[in-house]
Amino acid sequence: MHLSTLAEKIRIINFIFAYKLEKGYIFAVMNKEYLSKLLADYKTGKVSKDELLKTLLTFESESVGFATIDHHRTIRKGFPEVILCQGKTAEQVAVIASKIIQRNQPLLATRATHEQFKAVQKKTKKAHYDKVARIIYANKPSKPDANKKNVLVVSAGTIDIPVAEEACLTLEMLGNPVERLYDVGVAGIHRLFSNYNKIMTANVIIVVAGMEGALPSVVGGLVDVPVIAVPTSGGYGASFGGVAALLGMLNTCASGVTVVNIDNGFGAGFAASMMNR
């Protein structure tokens, strides 16, 4: 079977990619490694120009009516499109998730409900659900990338753990080794200092806090690595659903502290992973 013929068939079966190996065809993720192999084969003459072009044309976007799935994102960003489940029906989430999993790509779907997970599970048994992080995931790496260093995720209080776990699972899906340090807020700052070794050995630190949002400033004043602050919506009335913590973090006097949006554990995890390359 020629690669050009294969590329035509790939279009019919949901743009799943395959590559010809010595013992036949296996399904593979279209990523930078795949492209490097493809281009090397083109250079040596194993793949013709027409065959190369036809294969490259298959990593584009795919419309399912209510959504257009960006299959090219793996090439650009190193990770497939992430599904924000909030505001989507269970069936919509399931359809998008199945298109990603069909390519044998890692699936990460945030702010998911158990109902949405059940719908995804009907289409693929690979899916798992983390009810604390509210994430549906599949094809999680079996172990962290050996080239990546440790990322520490710190929460000020127990109430902040769901957002912290969203960051942790995002980091793990992206191949990062993750360490957790929870409930060490400024109300009992000695709890933070008793874990000084964890803080000083991390390559990137995510700090999740609500209320007045003071903890990232404390951590930022101790370390020489990036600190990503995540304000949470937990707290009493004057916290204004996380706005007080957000403003406190934006006004930090500690150098090297970057702030993401309220409850955005996913955004913090993704940014930390990029810093940790």
C-alpha atoms as a PDB file:
ATOM      1  CA  MET A   1       0.000   0.000   0.000  1.00  0.00           C
ATOM      2  CA  HIS A   2       1.405   3.398  -0.960  1.00  0.00           C
ATOM      3  CA  LEU A   3       1.351   6.283   1.490  1.00  0.00           C
ATOM      4  CA  SER A   4      -0.790   8.278  -0.929  1.00  0.00           C
ATOM      5  CA  THR A   5      -3.465   5.558  -0.884  1.00  0.00           C
ATOM      6  CA  LEU A   6      -3.249   5.427   2.878  1.00  0.00           C
ATOM      7  CA  ALA A   7      -3.699   9.181   3.129  1.00  0.00           C
ATOM      8  CA  GLU A   8      -6.895   8.934   1.108  1.00  0.00           C
ATOM      9  CA  LYS A   9      -8.239   6.247   3.425  1.00  0.00           C
ATOM     10  CA  ILE A  10      -7.230   8.254   6.476  1.00  0.00           C
ATOM     11  CA  ARG A  11      -9.536  11.054   5.353  1.00  0.00           C
ATOM     12  CA  ILE A  12     -12.450   8.613   5.300  1.00  0.00           C
ATOM     13  CA  ILE A  13     -11.784   7.194   8.788  1.00  0.00           C
ATOM     14  CA  ASN A  14     -11.787  10.420  10.774  1.00  0.00           C
ATOM     15  CA  PHE A  15      -8.305  11.555   9.777  1.00  0.00           C
ATOM     16  CA  ILE A  16      -6.564   8.868  11.817  1.00  0.00           C
ATOM     17  CA  PHE A  17      -2.892   8.793  10.893  1.00  0.00           C
ATOM     18  CA  ALA A  18      -0.874   5.719  10.065  1.00  0.00           C
ATOM     19  CA  TYR A  19       2.722   5.134   9.106  1.00  0.00           C
ATOM     20  CA  LYS A  20       4.271   2.257   7.193  1.00  0.00           C
ATOM     21  CA  LEU A  21       6.705   0.288   9.295  1.00  0.00           C
ATOM     22  CA  GLU A  22       8.655  -2.846   8.447  1.00  0.00           C
ATOM     23  CA  LYS A  23       5.928  -5.153   9.816  1.00  0.00           C
ATOM     24  CA  GLY A  24       2.932  -3.252   8.490  1.00  0.00           C
ATOM     25  CA  TYR A  25       0.900  -0.218   9.516  1.00  0.00           C
ATOM     26  CA  ILE A  26       0.339   1.151  13.014  1.00  0.00           C
ATOM     27  CA  PHE A  27      -1.754   4.069  14.128  1.00  0.00           C
ATOM     28  CA  ALA A  28       0.303   7.014  15.350  1.00  0.00           C
ATOM     29  CA  VAL A  29      -0.138  10.556  16.587  1.00  0.00           C
ATOM     30  CA  MET A  30       0.681  13.291  14.096  1.00  0.00           C
ATOM     31  CA  ASN A  31       3.295  15.178  16.088  1.00  0.00           C
ATOM     32  CA  LYS A  32       6.778  16.611  15.568  1.00  0.00           C
ATOM     33  CA  GLU A  33       8.414  13.177  15.832  1.00  0.00           C
ATOM     34  CA  TYR A  34       6.068  11.779  13.185  1.00  0.00           C
ATOM     35  CA  LEU A  35       6.784  14.739  10.910  1.00  0.00           C
ATOM     36  CA  SER A  36      10.529  14.345  11.385  1.00  0.00           C
ATOM     37  CA  LYS A  37      10.307  10.706  10.302  1.00  0.00           C
ATOM     38  CA  LEU A  38       8.091  11.589   7.354  1.00  0.00           C
ATOM     39  CA  LEU A  39      10.447  14.329   6.151  1.00  0.00           C
ATOM     40  CA  ALA A  40      13.464  12.075   6.584  1.00  0.00           C
ATOM     41  CA  ASP A  41      11.787   9.451   4.392  1.00  0.00           C
ATOM     42  CA  TYR A  42      11.009  12.133   1.812  1.00  0.00           C
ATOM     43  CA  LYS A  43      14.637  13.223   1.846  1.00  0.00           C
ATOM     44  CA  THR A  44      15.867   9.678   1.231  1.00  0.00           C
ATOM     45  CA  GLY A  45      13.288   9.036  -1.479  1.00  0.00           C
ATOM     46  CA  LYS A  46      11.115   6.554   0.435  1.00  0.00           C
ATOM     47  CA  VAL A  47       8.229   9.022   0.177  1.00  0.00           C
ATOM     48  CA  SER A  48       7.505  11.049  -2.968  1.00  0.00           C
ATOM     49  CA  LYS A  49       6.602  14.733  -3.058  1.00  0.00           C
ATOM     50  CA  ASP A  50       2.973  13.957  -3.921  1.00  0.00           C
ATOM     51  CA  GLU A  51       2.744  11.390  -1.138  1.00  0.00           C
ATOM     52  CA  LEU A  52       4.210  13.890   1.329  1.00  0.00           C
ATOM     53  CA  LEU A  53       1.772  16.631   0.343  1.00  0.00           C
ATOM     54  CA  LYS A  54      -1.251  14.338   0.537  1.00  0.00           C
ATOM     55  CA  THR A  55      -0.259  13.209   4.018  1.00  0.00           C
ATOM     56  CA  LEU A  56       0.372  16.745   5.255  1.00  0.00           C
ATOM     57  CA  LEU A  57      -3.038  17.832   3.999  1.00  0.00           C
ATOM     58  CA  THR A  58      -4.714  15.473   6.454  1.00  0.00           C
ATOM     59  CA  PHE A  59      -3.725  17.319   9.619  1.00  0.00           C
ATOM     60  CA  GLU A  60      -6.151  20.203   9.526  1.00  0.00           C
ATOM     61  CA  SER A  61      -9.465  20.984  11.219  1.00  0.00           C
ATOM     62  CA  GLU A  62     -12.512  18.736  11.354  1.00  0.00           C
ATOM     63  CA  SER A  63     -16.054  20.072  11.562  1.00  0.00           C
ATOM     64  CA  VAL A  64     -18.702  18.128  13.468  1.00  0.00           C
ATOM     65  CA  GLY A  65     -21.387  20.789  12.997  1.00  0.00           C
ATOM     66  CA  PHE A  66     -21.449  22.336  16.453  1.00  0.00           C
ATOM     67  CA  ALA A  67     -17.635  22.426  16.798  1.00  0.00           C
ATOM     68  CA  THR A  68     -14.534  22.563  14.612  1.00  0.00           C
ATOM     69  CA  ILE A  69     -11.767  20.401  16.049  1.00  0.00           C
ATOM     70  CA  ASP A  70      -8.252  21.788  15.607  1.00  0.00           C
ATOM     71  CA  HIS A  71      -6.198  18.673  14.807  1.00  0.00           C
ATOM     72  CA  HIS A  72      -3.223  20.841  13.838  1.00  0.00           C
ATOM     73  CA  ARG A  73      -2.779  22.007  17.439  1.00  0.00           C
ATOM     74  CA  THR A  74      -0.560  19.054  18.329  1.00  0.00           C
ATOM     75  CA  ILE A  75       1.975  20.289  15.788  1.00  0.00           C
ATOM     76  CA  ARG A  76       1.818  23.925  16.910  1.00  0.00           C
ATOM     77  CA  LYS A  77       1.513  23.493  20.661  1.00  0.00           C
ATOM     78  CA  GLY A  78       2.772  19.993  21.379  1.00  0.00           C
ATOM     79  CA  PHE A  79      -0.612  18.923  22.795  1.00  0.00           C
ATOM     80  CA  PRO A  80      -4.065  18.368  21.233  1.00  0.00           C
ATOM     81  CA  GLU A  81      -7.020  20.696  21.647  1.00  0.00           C
ATOM     82  CA  VAL A  82      -8.352  20.675  25.220  1.00  0.00           C
ATOM     83  CA  ILE A  83     -12.128  20.498  25.668  1.00  0.00           C
ATOM     84  CA  LEU A  84     -13.816  23.007  27.962  1.00  0.00           C
ATOM     85  CA  CYS A  85     -16.909  21.002  28.923  1.00  0.00           C
ATOM     86  CA  GLN A  86     -18.666  23.884  30.632  1.00  0.00           C
ATOM     87  CA  GLY A  87     -21.703  24.932  28.566  1.00  0.00           C
ATOM     88  CA  LYS A  88     -21.585  21.844  26.336  1.00  0.00           C
ATOM     89  CA  THR A  89     -24.065  18.990  26.354  1.00  0.00           C
ATOM     90  CA  ALA A  90     -22.904  15.507  27.319  1.00  0.00           C
ATOM     91  CA  GLU A  91     -23.296  14.326  23.728  1.00  0.00           C
ATOM     92  CA  GLN A  92     -21.284  17.251  22.348  1.00  0.00           C
ATOM     93  CA  VAL A  93     -18.409  16.503  24.727  1.00  0.00           C
ATOM     94  CA  ALA A  94     -18.567  12.817  23.803  1.00  0.00           C
ATOM     95  CA  VAL A  95     -18.386  13.489  20.065  1.00  0.00           C
ATOM     96  CA  ILE A  96     -15.415  15.845  20.349  1.00  0.00           C
ATOM     97  CA  ALA A  97     -13.619  13.512  22.758  1.00  0.00           C
ATOM     98  CA  SER A  98     -14.091  10.528  20.465  1.00  0.00           C
ATOM     99  CA  LYS A  99     -12.540  12.411  17.532  1.00  0.00           C
ATOM    100  CA  ILE A 100      -9.435  13.147  19.614  1.00  0.00           C
ATOM    101  CA  ILE A 101      -9.125   9.632  20.999  1.00  0.00           C
ATOM    102  CA  GLN A 102      -9.574   8.111  17.519  1.00  0.00           C
ATOM    103  CA  ARG A 103      -6.202   9.606  16.661  1.00  0.00           C
ATOM    104  CA  ASN A 104      -4.669   7.965  19.722  1.00  0.00           C
ATOM    105  CA  GLN A 105      -3.968  11.423  21.126  1.00  0.00           C
ATOM    106  CA  PRO A 106      -4.119  12.365  24.806  1.00  0.00           C
ATOM    107  CA  LEU A 107      -7.538  13.631  25.829  1.00  0.00           C
ATOM    108  CA  LEU A 108      -8.005  16.391  28.391  1.00  0.00           C
ATOM    109  CA  ALA A 109     -11.516  17.731  29.031  1.00  0.00           C
ATOM    110  CA  THR A 110     -11.865  20.273  31.842  1.00  0.00           C
ATOM    111  CA  ARG A 111     -14.832  21.406  33.983  1.00  0.00           C
ATOM    112  CA  ALA A 112     -16.556  18.132  33.214  1.00  0.00           C
ATOM    113  CA  THR A 113     -19.570  16.631  34.966  1.00  0.00           C
ATOM    114  CA  HIS A 114     -20.110  12.959  35.727  1.00  0.00           C
ATOM    115  CA  GLU A 115     -22.937  12.940  33.182  1.00  0.00           C
ATOM    116  CA  GLN A 116     -20.544  14.147  30.481  1.00  0.00           C
ATOM    117  CA  PHE A 117     -18.032  11.495  31.496  1.00  0.00           C
ATOM    118  CA  LYS A 118     -20.632   8.733  31.164  1.00  0.00           C
ATOM    119  CA  ALA A 119     -21.407   9.929  27.630  1.00  0.00           C
ATOM    120  CA  VAL A 120     -17.706   9.863  26.718  1.00  0.00           C
ATOM    121  CA  GLN A 121     -17.299   6.443  28.317  1.00  0.00           C
ATOM    122  CA  LYS A 122     -19.996   5.037  26.031  1.00  0.00           C
ATOM    123  CA  LYS A 123     -17.827   5.949  23.038  1.00  0.00           C
ATOM    124  CA  THR A 124     -14.484   4.850  24.492  1.00  0.00           C
ATOM    125  CA  LYS A 125     -13.447   2.712  27.440  1.00  0.00           C
ATOM    126  CA  LYS A 126     -10.121   4.553  27.588  1.00  0.00           C
ATOM    127  CA  ALA A 127     -11.681   7.541  29.338  1.00  0.00           C
ATOM    128  CA  HIS A 128     -11.239   8.217  33.063  1.00  0.00           C
ATOM    129  CA  TYR A 129     -12.812  10.822  35.334  1.00  0.00           C
ATOM    130  CA  ASP A 130     -11.236  12.737  38.204  1.00  0.00           C
ATOM    131  CA  LYS A 131     -14.161  14.072  40.211  1.00  0.00           C
ATOM    132  CA  VAL A 132     -11.994  16.418  42.324  1.00  0.00           C
ATOM    133  CA  ALA A 133     -10.269  18.058  39.353  1.00  0.00           C
ATOM    134  CA  ARG A 134     -13.492  17.710  37.284  1.00  0.00           C
ATOM    135  CA  ILE A 135     -11.471  16.388  34.354  1.00  0.00           C
ATOM    136  CA  ILE A 136     -12.102  13.648  31.812  1.00  0.00           C
ATOM    137  CA  TYR A 137      -8.846  12.245  30.492  1.00  0.00           C
ATOM    138  CA  ALA A 138      -7.435   9.429  28.376  1.00  0.00           C
ATOM    139  CA  ASN A 139      -4.051   8.227  27.109  1.00  0.00           C
ATOM    140  CA  LYS A 140      -2.251   9.670  30.115  1.00  0.00           C
ATOM    141  CA  PRO A 141       1.545   9.185  29.984  1.00  0.00           C
ATOM    142  CA  SER A 142       2.615   6.139  31.988  1.00  0.00           C
ATOM    143  CA  LYS A 143       5.464   8.114  33.507  1.00  0.00           C
ATOM    144  CA  PRO A 144       6.790  11.701  33.431  1.00  0.00           C
ATOM    145  CA  ASP A 145       9.135  12.939  30.729  1.00  0.00           C
ATOM    146  CA  ALA A 146      12.690  12.253  31.939  1.00  0.00           C
ATOM    147  CA  ASN A 147      13.818  15.602  30.502  1.00  0.00           C
ATOM    148  CA  LYS A 148      11.402  17.601  32.666  1.00  0.00           C
ATOM    149  CA  LYS A 149      12.041  18.720  36.225  1.00  0.00           C
ATOM    150  CA  ASN A 150       9.681  18.810  39.175  1.00  0.00           C
ATOM    151  CA  VAL A 151       6.710  21.190  39.338  1.00  0.00           C
ATOM    152  CA  LEU A 152       5.319  21.955  42.807  1.00  0.00           C
ATOM    153  CA  VAL A 153       1.620  22.754  43.230  1.00  0.00           C
ATOM    154  CA  VAL A 154       0.789  24.534  46.480  1.00  0.00           C
ATOM    155  CA  SER A 155      -2.663  25.258  47.876  1.00  0.00           C
ATOM    156  CA  ALA A 156      -3.388  27.746  50.634  1.00  0.00           C
ATOM    157  CA  GLY A 157      -6.394  25.816  51.954  1.00  0.00           C
ATOM    158  CA  THR A 158      -8.348  22.611  51.475  1.00  0.00           C
ATOM    159  CA  ILE A 159     -11.047  24.598  49.688  1.00  0.00           C
ATOM    160  CA  ASP A 160      -8.505  25.367  46.940  1.00  0.00           C
ATOM    161  CA  ILE A 161      -7.682  21.712  46.208  1.00  0.00           C
ATOM    162  CA  PRO A 162     -10.100  21.246  43.240  1.00  0.00           C
ATOM    163  CA  VAL A 163      -8.382  24.075  41.350  1.00  0.00           C
ATOM    164  CA  ALA A 164      -4.968  22.774  42.420  1.00  0.00           C
ATOM    165  CA  GLU A 165      -5.845  19.273  41.202  1.00  0.00           C
ATOM    166  CA  GLU A 166      -6.951  20.687  37.855  1.00  0.00           C
ATOM    167  CA  ALA A 167      -3.439  22.117  37.552  1.00  0.00           C
ATOM    168  CA  CYS A 168      -1.823  18.855  38.706  1.00  0.00           C
ATOM    169  CA  LEU A 169      -3.674  16.627  36.256  1.00  0.00           C
ATOM    170  CA  THR A 170      -2.978  19.065  33.421  1.00  0.00           C
ATOM    171  CA  LEU A 171       0.722  18.941  34.276  1.00  0.00           C
ATOM    172  CA  GLU A 172       0.717  15.145  34.447  1.00  0.00           C
ATOM    173  CA  MET A 173      -1.041  14.846  31.090  1.00  0.00           C
ATOM    174  CA  LEU A 174       1.718  17.034  29.651  1.00  0.00           C
ATOM    175  CA  GLY A 175       4.395  14.711  31.018  1.00  0.00           C
ATOM    176  CA  ASN A 176       5.597  16.685  34.030  1.00  0.00           C
ATOM    177  CA  PRO A 177       6.649  15.209  37.390  1.00  0.00           C
ATOM    178  CA  VAL A 178       4.353  16.835  39.964  1.00  0.00           C
ATOM    179  CA  GLU A 179       4.580  17.251  43.720  1.00  0.00           C
ATOM    180  CA  ARG A 180       1.724  18.509  45.892  1.00  0.00           C
ATOM    181  CA  LEU A 181       1.812  20.676  49.012  1.00  0.00           C
ATOM    182  CA  TYR A 182      -1.669  21.431  50.334  1.00  0.00           C
ATOM    183  CA  ASP A 183      -3.215  23.515  53.126  1.00  0.00           C
ATOM    184  CA  VAL A 184      -0.153  25.627  53.949  1.00  0.00           C
ATOM    185  CA  GLY A 185      -1.704  29.102  53.817  1.00  0.00           C
ATOM    186  CA  VAL A 186      -0.626  32.233  55.641  1.00  0.00           C
ATOM    187  CA  ALA A 187      -2.973  31.600  58.584  1.00  0.00           C
ATOM    188  CA  GLY A 188      -0.355  29.056  59.698  1.00  0.00           C
ATOM    189  CA  ILE A 189       2.734  30.058  57.761  1.00  0.00           C
ATOM    190  CA  HIS A 190       4.951  27.634  59.712  1.00  0.00           C
ATOM    191  CA  ARG A 191       3.331  24.830  57.667  1.00  0.00           C
ATOM    192  CA  LEU A 192       4.883  26.301  54.532  1.00  0.00           C
ATOM    193  CA  PHE A 193       8.312  26.773  56.043  1.00  0.00           C
ATOM    194  CA  SER A 194       8.405  23.211  57.364  1.00  0.00           C
ATOM    195  CA  ASN A 195       8.324  22.113  53.692  1.00  0.00           C
ATOM    196  CA  TYR A 196      11.160  24.414  52.684  1.00  0.00           C
ATOM    197  CA  ASN A 197      13.069  21.661  50.851  1.00  0.00           C
ATOM    198  CA  LYS A 198      10.129  20.963  48.502  1.00  0.00           C
ATOM    199  CA  ILE A 199       9.865  24.655  47.703  1.00  0.00           C
ATOM    200  CA  MET A 200      13.563  25.125  47.019  1.00  0.00           C
ATOM    201  CA  THR A 201      13.938  22.070  44.747  1.00  0.00           C
ATOM    202  CA  ALA A 202      11.011  22.798  42.414  1.00  0.00           C
ATOM    203  CA  ASN A 203      11.662  24.100  38.912  1.00  0.00           C
ATOM    204  CA  VAL A 204       8.293  25.874  38.644  1.00  0.00           C
ATOM    205  CA  ILE A 205       5.768  26.533  41.420  1.00  0.00           C
ATOM    206  CA  ILE A 206       1.996  26.988  41.123  1.00  0.00           C
ATOM    207  CA  VAL A 207       0.361  28.613  44.156  1.00  0.00           C
ATOM    208  CA  VAL A 208      -3.426  28.392  44.487  1.00  0.00           C
ATOM    209  CA  ALA A 209      -5.153  30.633  47.021  1.00  0.00           C
ATOM    210  CA  GLY A 210      -8.416  32.401  47.756  1.00  0.00           C
ATOM    211  CA  MET A 211      -9.399  34.951  50.419  1.00  0.00           C
ATOM    212  CA  GLU A 212      -6.810  37.781  50.224  1.00  0.00           C
ATOM    213  CA  GLY A 213      -4.469  35.773  47.968  1.00  0.00           C
ATOM    214  CA  ALA A 214      -1.313  36.416  49.986  1.00  0.00           C
ATOM    215  CA  LEU A 215       0.446  33.055  49.672  1.00  0.00           C
ATOM    216  CA  PRO A 216       1.969  33.514  46.164  1.00  0.00           C
ATOM    217  CA  SER A 217       3.741  36.664  47.351  1.00  0.00           C
ATOM    218  CA  VAL A 218       5.263  34.770  50.270  1.00  0.00           C
ATOM    219  CA  VAL A 219       6.460  31.932  48.023  1.00  0.00           C
ATOM    220  CA  GLY A 220       7.641  34.377  45.363  1.00  0.00           C
ATOM    221  CA  GLY A 221       9.827  36.093  47.926  1.00  0.00           C
ATOM    222  CA  LEU A 222      11.632  32.835  48.741  1.00  0.00           C
ATOM    223  CA  VAL A 223      12.547  31.291  45.383  1.00  0.00           C
ATOM    224  CA  ASP A 224      14.431  32.040  42.162  1.00  0.00           C
ATOM    225  CA  VAL A 225      12.063  30.104  39.864  1.00  0.00           C
ATOM    226  CA  PRO A 226       8.795  31.126  38.160  1.00  0.00           C
ATOM    227  CA  VAL A 227       5.763  31.291  40.449  1.00  0.00           C
ATOM    228  CA  ILE A 228       2.304  31.101  38.898  1.00  0.00           C
ATOM    229  CA  ALA A 229      -0.452  32.469  41.117  1.00  0.00           C
ATOM    230  CA  VAL A 230      -3.999  31.149  40.795  1.00  0.00           C
ATOM    231  CA  PRO A 231      -6.763  33.092  42.594  1.00  0.00           C
ATOM    232  CA  THR A 232      -9.763  31.003  43.603  1.00  0.00           C
ATOM    233  CA  SER A 233     -13.385  31.941  44.129  1.00  0.00           C
ATOM    234  CA  GLY A 234     -13.505  30.375  47.599  1.00  0.00           C
ATOM    235  CA  GLY A 235     -13.870  32.616  50.619  1.00  0.00           C
ATOM    236  CA  TYR A 236     -16.261  34.897  52.450  1.00  0.00           C
ATOM    237  CA  GLY A 237     -18.446  37.583  50.879  1.00  0.00           C
ATOM    238  CA  ALA A 238     -15.838  40.334  50.658  1.00  0.00           C
ATOM    239  CA  SER A 239     -13.650  38.099  48.509  1.00  0.00           C
ATOM    240  CA  PHE A 240     -16.081  38.905  45.652  1.00  0.00           C
ATOM    241  CA  GLY A 241     -15.833  35.445  44.116  1.00  0.00           C
ATOM    242  CA  GLY A 242     -12.048  35.578  43.826  1.00  0.00           C
ATOM    243  CA  VAL A 243     -11.676  39.184  42.698  1.00  0.00           C
ATOM    244  CA  ALA A 244     -10.017  40.176  45.993  1.00  0.00           C
ATOM    245  CA  ALA A 245      -7.440  37.395  45.606  1.00  0.00           C
ATOM    246  CA  LEU A 246      -6.903  38.279  41.935  1.00  0.00           C
ATOM    247  CA  LEU A 247      -6.207  41.933  42.729  1.00  0.00           C
ATOM    248  CA  GLY A 248      -3.954  41.007  45.637  1.00  0.00           C
ATOM    249  CA  MET A 249      -1.891  38.728  43.410  1.00  0.00           C
ATOM    250  CA  LEU A 250      -1.690  41.276  40.605  1.00  0.00           C
ATOM    251  CA  ASN A 251      -0.357  43.793  43.129  1.00  0.00           C
ATOM    252  CA  THR A 252       2.305  41.472  44.527  1.00  0.00           C
ATOM    253  CA  CYS A 253       5.655  42.996  45.397  1.00  0.00           C
ATOM    254  CA  ALA A 254       7.450  39.654  44.879  1.00  0.00           C
ATOM    255  CA  SER A 255       9.415  39.432  41.641  1.00  0.00           C
ATOM    256  CA  GLY A 256       8.734  36.620  39.190  1.00  0.00           C
ATOM    257  CA  VAL A 257       5.077  36.024  40.087  1.00  0.00           C
ATOM    258  CA  THR A 258       2.697  35.617  37.143  1.00  0.00           C
ATOM    259  CA  VAL A 259      -1.082  35.583  37.658  1.00  0.00           C
ATOM    260  CA  VAL A 260      -3.724  33.627  35.737  1.00  0.00           C
ATOM    261  CA  ASN A 261      -7.490  34.058  35.863  1.00  0.00           C
ATOM    262  CA  ILE A 262      -9.776  33.079  38.741  1.00  0.00           C
ATOM    263  CA  ASP A 263     -10.005  29.277  39.245  1.00  0.00           C
ATOM    264  CA  ASN A 264      -7.882  28.694  36.136  1.00  0.00           C
ATOM    265  CA  GLY A 265      -5.932  25.654  37.278  1.00  0.00           C
ATOM    266  CA  PHE A 266      -5.742  24.377  33.715  1.00  0.00           C
ATOM    267  CA  GLY A 267      -4.163  27.606  32.455  1.00  0.00           C
ATOM    268  CA  ALA A 268      -1.625  27.565  35.270  1.00  0.00           C
ATOM    269  CA  GLY A 269      -0.729  23.938  34.601  1.00  0.00           C
ATOM    270  CA  PHE A 270      -0.290  24.484  30.876  1.00  0.00           C
ATOM    271  CA  ALA A 271       1.875  27.582  31.401  1.00  0.00           C
ATOM    272  CA  ALA A 272       3.979  25.817  34.018  1.00  0.00           C
ATOM    273  CA  SER A 273       4.568  22.930  31.611  1.00  0.00           C
ATOM    274  CA  MET A 274       5.809  25.318  28.925  1.00  0.00           C
ATOM    275  CA  MET A 275       8.174  26.923  31.446  1.00  0.00           C
ATOM    276  CA  ASN A 276       9.372  23.483  32.508  1.00  0.00           C
ATOM    277  CA  ARG A 277      10.593  22.389  29.060  1.00  0.00           C
END
